[in-house]
Every structure is written in structure tokens, then in C-alpha cells.
C-alpha atoms as a PDB file:
ATOM      1  CA  MET A   1     -19.183  31.965 -60.979  1.00  0.00           C
ATOM      2  CA  GLY A   2     -21.491  33.081 -58.130  1.00  0.00           C
ATOM      3  CA  LYS A   3     -23.112  29.628 -57.960  1.00  0.00           C
ATOM      4  CA  ALA A   4     -19.673  27.983 -57.888  1.00  0.00           C
ATOM      5  CA  LEU A   5     -18.635  30.180 -54.939  1.00  0.00           C
ATOM      6  CA  LEU A   6     -21.842  29.361 -53.082  1.00  0.00           C
ATOM      7  CA  LYS A   7     -21.307  25.648 -53.663  1.00  0.00           C
ATOM      8  CA  LEU A   8     -17.704  25.949 -52.453  1.00  0.00           C
ATOM      9  CA  ALA A   9     -18.788  27.888 -49.349  1.00  0.00           C
ATOM     10  CA  GLY A  10     -21.443  25.262 -48.640  1.00  0.00           C
ATOM     11  CA  ALA A  11     -18.907  22.464 -49.045  1.00  0.00           C
ATOM     12  CA  VAL A  12     -16.440  24.211 -46.711  1.00  0.00           C
ATOM     13  CA  SER A  13     -19.179  24.727 -44.098  1.00  0.00           C
ATOM     14  CA  PHE A  14     -20.115  21.057 -44.328  1.00  0.00           C
ATOM     15  CA  VAL A  15     -16.494  19.913 -43.948  1.00  0.00           C
ATOM     16  CA  LEU A  16     -15.983  22.205 -40.940  1.00  0.00           C
ATOM     17  CA  ALA A  17     -19.151  20.857 -39.320  1.00  0.00           C
ATOM     18  CA  VAL A  18     -18.179  17.240 -39.931  1.00  0.00           C
ATOM     19  CA  THR A  19     -14.571  17.626 -38.784  1.00  0.00           C
ATOM     20  CA  GLY A  20     -15.501  18.839 -35.334  1.00  0.00           C
ATOM     21  CA  CYS A  21     -15.308  22.604 -35.318  1.00  0.00           C
ATOM     22  CA  GLY A  22     -17.890  22.495 -32.522  1.00  0.00           C
ATOM     23  CA  SER A  23     -17.660  23.896 -29.039  1.00  0.00           C
ATOM     24  CA  GLY A  24     -14.525  23.735 -26.933  1.00  0.00           C
ATOM     25  CA  ILE A  25     -16.235  21.235 -24.636  1.00  0.00           C
ATOM     26  CA  GLU A  26     -16.977  18.879 -27.555  1.00  0.00           C
ATOM     27  CA  LYS A  27     -13.357  19.072 -28.737  1.00  0.00           C
ATOM     28  CA  TRP A  28     -12.162  18.524 -25.154  1.00  0.00           C
ATOM     29  CA  GLU A  29     -14.366  15.455 -24.688  1.00  0.00           C
ATOM     30  CA  SER A  30     -13.389  14.053 -28.081  1.00  0.00           C
ATOM     31  CA  ALA A  31      -9.647  14.471 -27.384  1.00  0.00           C
ATOM     32  CA  ASN A  32      -9.959  12.786 -23.987  1.00  0.00           C
ATOM     33  CA  SER A  33     -12.003   9.889 -25.404  1.00  0.00           C
ATOM     34  CA  ALA A  34      -9.427   9.385 -28.152  1.00  0.00           C
ATOM     35  CA  ARG A  35      -6.661   9.326 -25.532  1.00  0.00           C
ATOM     36  CA  TYR A  36      -8.343   6.608 -23.476  1.00  0.00           C
ATOM     37  CA  ARG A  37      -8.668   4.434 -26.588  1.00  0.00           C
ATOM     38  CA  VAL A  38      -4.895   4.378 -27.258  1.00  0.00           C
ATOM     39  CA  LEU A  39      -3.706   3.618 -23.717  1.00  0.00           C
ATOM     40  CA  LYS A  40      -2.132   0.198 -23.188  1.00  0.00           C
ATOM     41  CA  PRO A  41      -1.080  -1.373 -19.858  1.00  0.00           C
ATOM     42  CA  GLY A  42       2.623  -1.314 -19.097  1.00  0.00           C
ATOM     43  CA  SER A  43       4.942  -2.429 -16.340  1.00  0.00           C
ATOM     44  CA  ASP A  44       7.349   0.512 -16.711  1.00  0.00           C
ATOM     45  CA  LEU A  45       7.735   3.915 -18.330  1.00  0.00           C
ATOM     46  CA  LEU A  46      10.072   2.831 -21.147  1.00  0.00           C
ATOM     47  CA  GLY A  47       9.360   4.832 -24.281  1.00  0.00           C
ATOM     48  CA  VAL A  48       7.862   7.754 -22.367  1.00  0.00           C
ATOM     49  CA  THR A  49       9.374  10.997 -23.676  1.00  0.00           C
ATOM     50  CA  VAL A  50       7.495  13.617 -21.633  1.00  0.00           C
ATOM     51  CA  PRO A  51       8.751  14.459 -18.134  1.00  0.00           C
ATOM     52  CA  VAL A  52       6.986  12.222 -15.618  1.00  0.00           C
ATOM     53  CA  LEU A  53       4.688  14.044 -13.219  1.00  0.00           C
ATOM     54  CA  ARG A  54       3.809  11.843 -10.244  1.00  0.00           C
ATOM     55  CA  SER A  55       2.471  11.889  -6.690  1.00  0.00           C
ATOM     56  CA  ARG A  56       5.169  10.476  -4.432  1.00  0.00           C
ATOM     57  CA  GLY A  57       2.973  11.114  -1.367  1.00  0.00           C
ATOM     58  CA  LEU A  58       0.165   8.914  -2.716  1.00  0.00           C
ATOM     59  CA  GLU A  59       2.729   6.270  -3.705  1.00  0.00           C
ATOM     60  CA  GLN A  60       3.814   6.106  -0.053  1.00  0.00           C
ATOM     61  CA  VAL A  61       0.226   5.784   1.174  1.00  0.00           C
ATOM     62  CA  TRP A  62      -1.463   3.738  -1.599  1.00  0.00           C
ATOM     63  CA  GLY A  63       1.484   2.000  -3.266  1.00  0.00           C
ATOM     64  CA  SER A  64       2.810   2.068  -6.809  1.00  0.00           C
ATOM     65  CA  PRO A  65       0.499   3.377  -9.515  1.00  0.00           C
ATOM     66  CA  LYS A  66      -0.881   1.356 -12.410  1.00  0.00           C
ATOM     67  CA  ILE A  67       1.031   2.364 -15.563  1.00  0.00           C
ATOM     68  CA  GLN A  68      -0.353   2.821 -19.062  1.00  0.00           C
ATOM     69  CA  ARG A  69       1.456   4.147 -22.147  1.00  0.00           C
ATOM     70  CA  ASP A  70      -0.038   5.719 -25.257  1.00  0.00           C
ATOM     71  CA  GLY A  71       2.656   4.604 -27.749  1.00  0.00           C
ATOM     72  CA  GLU A  72       3.386   8.245 -28.631  1.00  0.00           C
ATOM     73  CA  GLY A  73       5.681   9.109 -25.699  1.00  0.00           C
ATOM     74  CA  GLY A  74       2.910   9.795 -23.186  1.00  0.00           C
ATOM     75  CA  TYR A  75       1.714   7.896 -20.137  1.00  0.00           C
ATOM     76  CA  THR A  76      -0.987   7.556 -17.504  1.00  0.00           C
ATOM     77  CA  LEU A  77      -0.370   6.774 -13.826  1.00  0.00           C
ATOM     78  CA  THR A  78      -3.365   5.646 -11.760  1.00  0.00           C
ATOM     79  CA  TYR A  79      -3.084   5.825  -7.975  1.00  0.00           C
ATOM     80  CA  ALA A  80      -5.891   3.974  -6.172  1.00  0.00           C
ATOM     81  CA  ASP A  81      -6.745   3.667  -2.492  1.00  0.00           C
ATOM     82  CA  PRO A  82      -6.685  -0.103  -1.857  1.00  0.00           C
ATOM     83  CA  LYS A  83      -9.224   0.274   0.980  1.00  0.00           C
ATOM     84  CA  LYS A  84     -11.787   2.526  -0.721  1.00  0.00           C
ATOM     85  CA  PRO A  85     -13.231   1.882  -4.145  1.00  0.00           C
ATOM     86  CA  PHE A  86     -13.942   5.024  -6.187  1.00  0.00           C
ATOM     87  CA  THR A  87     -10.988   6.854  -4.609  1.00  0.00           C
ATOM     88  CA  ARG A  88      -8.153   7.497  -7.038  1.00  0.00           C
ATOM     89  CA  LEU A  89      -5.959   9.999  -8.842  1.00  0.00           C
ATOM     90  CA  VAL A  90      -5.019   9.667 -12.517  1.00  0.00           C
ATOM     91  CA  VAL A  91      -2.065  11.600 -13.991  1.00  0.00           C
ATOM     92  CA  HIS A  92      -2.045  11.927 -17.787  1.00  0.00           C
ATOM     93  CA  GLY A  93       1.261  12.979 -19.379  1.00  0.00           C
ATOM     94  CA  MET A  94       0.936  13.759 -23.105  1.00  0.00           C
ATOM     95  CA  THR A  95       3.115  14.898 -25.987  1.00  0.00           C
ATOM     96  CA  GLU A  96       0.366  17.149 -27.408  1.00  0.00           C
ATOM     97  CA  PRO A  97      -1.808  19.675 -25.557  1.00  0.00           C
ATOM     98  CA  LEU A  98      -5.530  19.203 -25.062  1.00  0.00           C
ATOM     99  CA  PRO A  99      -7.987  21.684 -26.584  1.00  0.00           C
ATOM    100  CA  ARG A 100      -8.578  24.743 -24.388  1.00  0.00           C
ATOM    101  CA  LEU A 101     -11.754  25.155 -22.418  1.00  0.00           C
ATOM    102  CA  SER A 102     -13.162  28.672 -22.293  1.00  0.00           C
ATOM    103  CA  SER A 103     -15.355  27.788 -19.315  1.00  0.00           C
ATOM    104  CA  PRO A 104     -15.826  24.739 -17.116  1.00  0.00           C
ATOM    105  CA  PRO A 105     -18.389  22.240 -18.401  1.00  0.00           C
ATOM    106  CA  LYS A 106     -21.750  22.183 -16.644  1.00  0.00           C
ATOM    107  CA  LEU A 107     -21.890  19.824 -13.674  1.00  0.00           C
ATOM    108  CA  SER A 108     -24.401  17.075 -14.371  1.00  0.00           C
ATOM    109  CA  GLY A 109     -25.868  14.419 -12.141  1.00  0.00           C
ATOM    110  CA  GLU A 110     -29.065  13.062 -10.681  1.00  0.00           C
ATOM    111  CA  GLU A 111     -31.032  14.021  -7.596  1.00  0.00           C
ATOM    112  CA  MET A 112     -34.338  13.127  -5.983  1.00  0.00           C
ATOM    113  CA  ARG A 113     -37.151  15.586  -6.722  1.00  0.00           C
ATOM    114  CA  ASN A 114     -40.678  14.791  -5.488  1.00  0.00           C
ATOM    115  CA  ASN A 115     -39.682  11.152  -4.878  1.00  0.00           C
ATOM    116  CA  THR A 116     -38.420  10.841  -8.474  1.00  0.00           C
ATOM    117  CA  LEU A 117     -34.839  10.608  -9.661  1.00  0.00           C
ATOM    118  CA  ALA A 118     -34.232  13.518 -12.054  1.00  0.00           C
ATOM    119  CA  GLY A 119     -31.183  14.669 -13.984  1.00  0.00           C
ATOM    120  CA  TYR A 120     -29.717  18.144 -13.644  1.00  0.00           C
ATOM    121  CA  GLU A 121     -27.072  20.383 -15.167  1.00  0.00           C
ATOM    122  CA  ARG A 122     -25.575  23.290 -13.236  1.00  0.00           C
ATOM    123  CA  ASP A 123     -23.074  25.993 -14.090  1.00  0.00           C
ATOM    124  CA  GLN A 124     -19.949  25.917 -11.949  1.00  0.00           C
ATOM    125  CA  PRO A 125     -16.972  28.196 -11.424  1.00  0.00           C
ATOM    126  CA  TRP A 126     -13.350  27.325 -12.126  1.00  0.00           C
ATOM    127  CA  ARG A 127     -11.369  26.289  -9.070  1.00  0.00           C
ATOM    128  CA  THR A 128      -7.589  26.723  -8.977  1.00  0.00           C
ATOM    129  CA  VAL A 129      -4.704  24.755  -7.558  1.00  0.00           C
ATOM    130  CA  THR A 130      -0.948  25.293  -7.706  1.00  0.00           C
ATOM    131  CA  ILE A 131       0.937  22.487  -9.449  1.00  0.00           C
ATOM    132  CA  ALA A 132       4.728  22.772  -9.740  1.00  0.00           C
ATOM    133  CA  GLU A 133       4.487  26.518  -9.025  1.00  0.00           C
ATOM    134  CA  GLN A 134       1.871  27.080 -11.747  1.00  0.00           C
ATOM    135  CA  LYS A 135      -1.806  27.959 -11.226  1.00  0.00           C
ATOM    136  CA  VAL A 136      -4.019  25.341 -12.888  1.00  0.00           C
ATOM    137  CA  ARG A 137      -7.800  25.507 -13.267  1.00  0.00           C
ATOM    138  CA  TRP A 138      -9.987  22.543 -12.394  1.00  0.00           C
ATOM    139  CA  PHE A 139     -13.660  21.628 -12.106  1.00  0.00           C
ATOM    140  CA  GLN A 140     -16.013  18.851 -11.034  1.00  0.00           C
ATOM    141  CA  GLU A 141     -16.605  16.696 -14.096  1.00  0.00           C
ATOM    142  CA  SER A 142     -19.562  14.686 -12.768  1.00  0.00           C
ATOM    143  CA  ALA A 143     -21.492  13.904  -9.608  1.00  0.00           C
ATOM    144  CA  SER A 144     -21.211  10.528  -7.914  1.00  0.00           C
ATOM    145  CA  GLY A 145     -23.608   7.770  -8.884  1.00  0.00           C
ATOM    146  CA  GLY A 146     -24.325   4.209  -7.843  1.00  0.00           C
ATOM    147  CA  ALA A 147     -21.307   2.675  -9.608  1.00  0.00           C
ATOM    148  CA  ASP A 148     -18.861   5.606  -9.522  1.00  0.00           C
ATOM    149  CA  GLY A 149     -17.598   8.367  -7.313  1.00  0.00           C
ATOM    150  CA  ALA A 150     -17.646  12.000  -8.379  1.00  0.00           C
ATOM    151  CA  TYR A 151     -15.048  12.913 -11.003  1.00  0.00           C
ATOM    152  CA  PHE A 152     -12.896  16.035 -10.866  1.00  0.00           C
ATOM    153  CA  SER A 153     -10.540  17.207 -13.615  1.00  0.00           C
ATOM    154  CA  THR A 154      -7.950  19.833 -14.325  1.00  0.00           C
ATOM    155  CA  GLU A 155      -7.997  21.466 -17.703  1.00  0.00           C
ATOM    156  CA  GLY A 156      -5.029  20.548 -19.892  1.00  0.00           C
ATOM    157  CA  PHE A 157      -1.852  22.350 -18.793  1.00  0.00           C
ATOM    158  CA  THR A 158       1.792  22.488 -19.845  1.00  0.00           C
ATOM    159  CA  LEU A 159       4.793  22.246 -17.526  1.00  0.00           C
ATOM    160  CA  LYS A 160       8.526  22.401 -18.112  1.00  0.00           C
ATOM    161  CA  ALA A 161      10.837  20.091 -16.133  1.00  0.00           C
ATOM    162  CA  ALA A 162      14.196  21.212 -14.724  1.00  0.00           C
ATOM    163  CA  ASP A 163      15.971  19.734 -17.777  1.00  0.00           C
ATOM    164  CA  GLY A 164      13.963  22.006 -20.103  1.00  0.00           C
ATOM    165  CA  ARG A 165      11.675  19.310 -21.545  1.00  0.00           C
ATOM    166  CA  LYS A 166       7.969  20.167 -21.763  1.00  0.00           C
ATOM    167  CA  GLY A 167       4.980  17.946 -21.199  1.00  0.00           C
ATOM    168  CA  HIS A 168       1.246  18.426 -21.407  1.00  0.00           C
ATOM    169  CA  TYR A 169      -0.850  17.133 -18.520  1.00  0.00           C
ATOM    170  CA  ARG A 170      -4.321  16.527 -17.172  1.00  0.00           C
ATOM    171  CA  LEU A 171      -5.200  15.252 -13.691  1.00  0.00           C
ATOM    172  CA  VAL A 172      -8.409  13.395 -12.900  1.00  0.00           C
ATOM    173  CA  ALA A 173      -9.621  12.377  -9.444  1.00  0.00           C
ATOM    174  CA  GLU A 174     -12.476  10.152  -8.368  1.00  0.00           C
ATOM    175  CA  ASN A 175     -13.848  10.636  -4.870  1.00  0.00           C
ATOM    176  CA  GLY A 176     -17.037  11.719  -3.092  1.00  0.00           C
ATOM    177  CA  ASP A 177     -19.083  14.758  -4.139  1.00  0.00           C
ATOM    178  CA  ASP A 178     -17.922  16.695  -1.083  1.00  0.00           C
ATOM    179  CA  ALA A 179     -14.233  15.804  -1.545  1.00  0.00           C
ATOM    180  CA  ALA A 180     -13.041  19.013  -3.244  1.00  0.00           C
ATOM    181  CA  GLU A 181     -10.557  19.741  -0.460  1.00  0.00           C
ATOM    182  CA  ALA A 182      -8.954  16.278  -0.694  1.00  0.00           C
ATOM    183  CA  VAL A 183      -8.921  16.464  -4.486  1.00  0.00           C
ATOM    184  CA  ALA A 184      -7.158  19.844  -4.392  1.00  0.00           C
ATOM    185  CA  ARG A 185      -4.493  18.337  -2.088  1.00  0.00           C
ATOM    186  CA  TRP A 186      -4.007  15.387  -4.472  1.00  0.00           C
ATOM    187  CA  PHE A 187      -3.723  17.675  -7.496  1.00  0.00           C
ATOM    188  CA  GLY A 188      -1.231  19.873  -5.652  1.00  0.00           C
ATOM    189  CA  SER A 189       0.839  16.838  -4.576  1.00  0.00           C
ATOM    190  CA  VAL A 190       2.153  16.015  -8.055  1.00  0.00           C
ATOM    191  CA  SER A 191       5.676  16.997  -9.040  1.00  0.00           C
ATOM    192  CA  PHE A 192       8.585  15.959 -11.249  1.00  0.00           C
END
């Protein structure tokens, strides 16, 4: 009986390891990757069941966003500056919440050290922004590189629209490394 229990415990440990009971950051990254794989281009928001969070101010300045739907009632709106590549805001509206992050992921990037390009990882604090009267934490996801700007992200958060419907959201911005102030304004500009 003791050997059977040990085998069962070993099997349970293996299943938990394989099914992703890793760190919150791994679960977060996995959930976001899975989301990107299901998004399909759309011309409208038909079939979207979560309340639509959008940035009307950026629509006035940059034009209508690119629309994607996930086929499960969620959506993604991508606002892009037509004059500046690597300058955009992405609003994800989802029917299910993202895994919680206990701390912001380390900021990673590359820098010159002794005339050699070297990678780095640095701890970073949470930053906060108010979105629809709710405090939301955000962080810098990555530093800018040759082909991309720096990425900034909110953690997943839940909001309730005036009609009582709830949605789960994540905002992502691409801009320069020193653009935290602009990014905070963009994040704070979204509303129902």
C-alpha cells in the first residue's frame, strides 16, 4: 500500500509539473501566447460579448483601430500612429481573466558593455494608472530593440460597464524606452 501511495504521489507531481503549475509569470506568458494564437482579423465587433473598452482620443488622432476577434466573445483593438512605427496601443477585451502576477516580470534587454552587446535582466517596481476609476498595475515588458519599440503592459484587470456586464482586460503599448509618461496617458485614456 505504501508503494502504491508513493507511485500515486509521483504521478500527481508529474502531472502537475507537465500541466503548467509553474510560476505566475510562466502562466501569464502562456495565457497571453494562447490568446494571440486565436485572434482573427475582423471588420467589426459583431459577436463580441464583453463591454468594449476603447481609446476615443487615440481614434481622433490616429484613426480607427485594427479589429481582431477571438471567437469566444473577446476582441483586440490596435491603435497605431500612422507617422511613427513602433508607436501603438493594444486593448485586449476577454471573457476570462488572465492569471495573476504576484510581482512584475524582470525587465530584460540588451546594452553595450565594454564595446560588446550584452543581455540584462533587472527587477522593476509596479507602476499604477487609473482606468475607468480603478487603479491598475502595469510594468515595462521589454526594452526597445532594433526591430521593435519598448513594450509596456498592464496586468490583467476586470471592469464592469454601466449596464452591469463584466469584461477582463489587458493593455499593451509599444513606444520608446523613455515613454512611460505617454504610455500612462494612453492607458488612462481608455473607457467604455
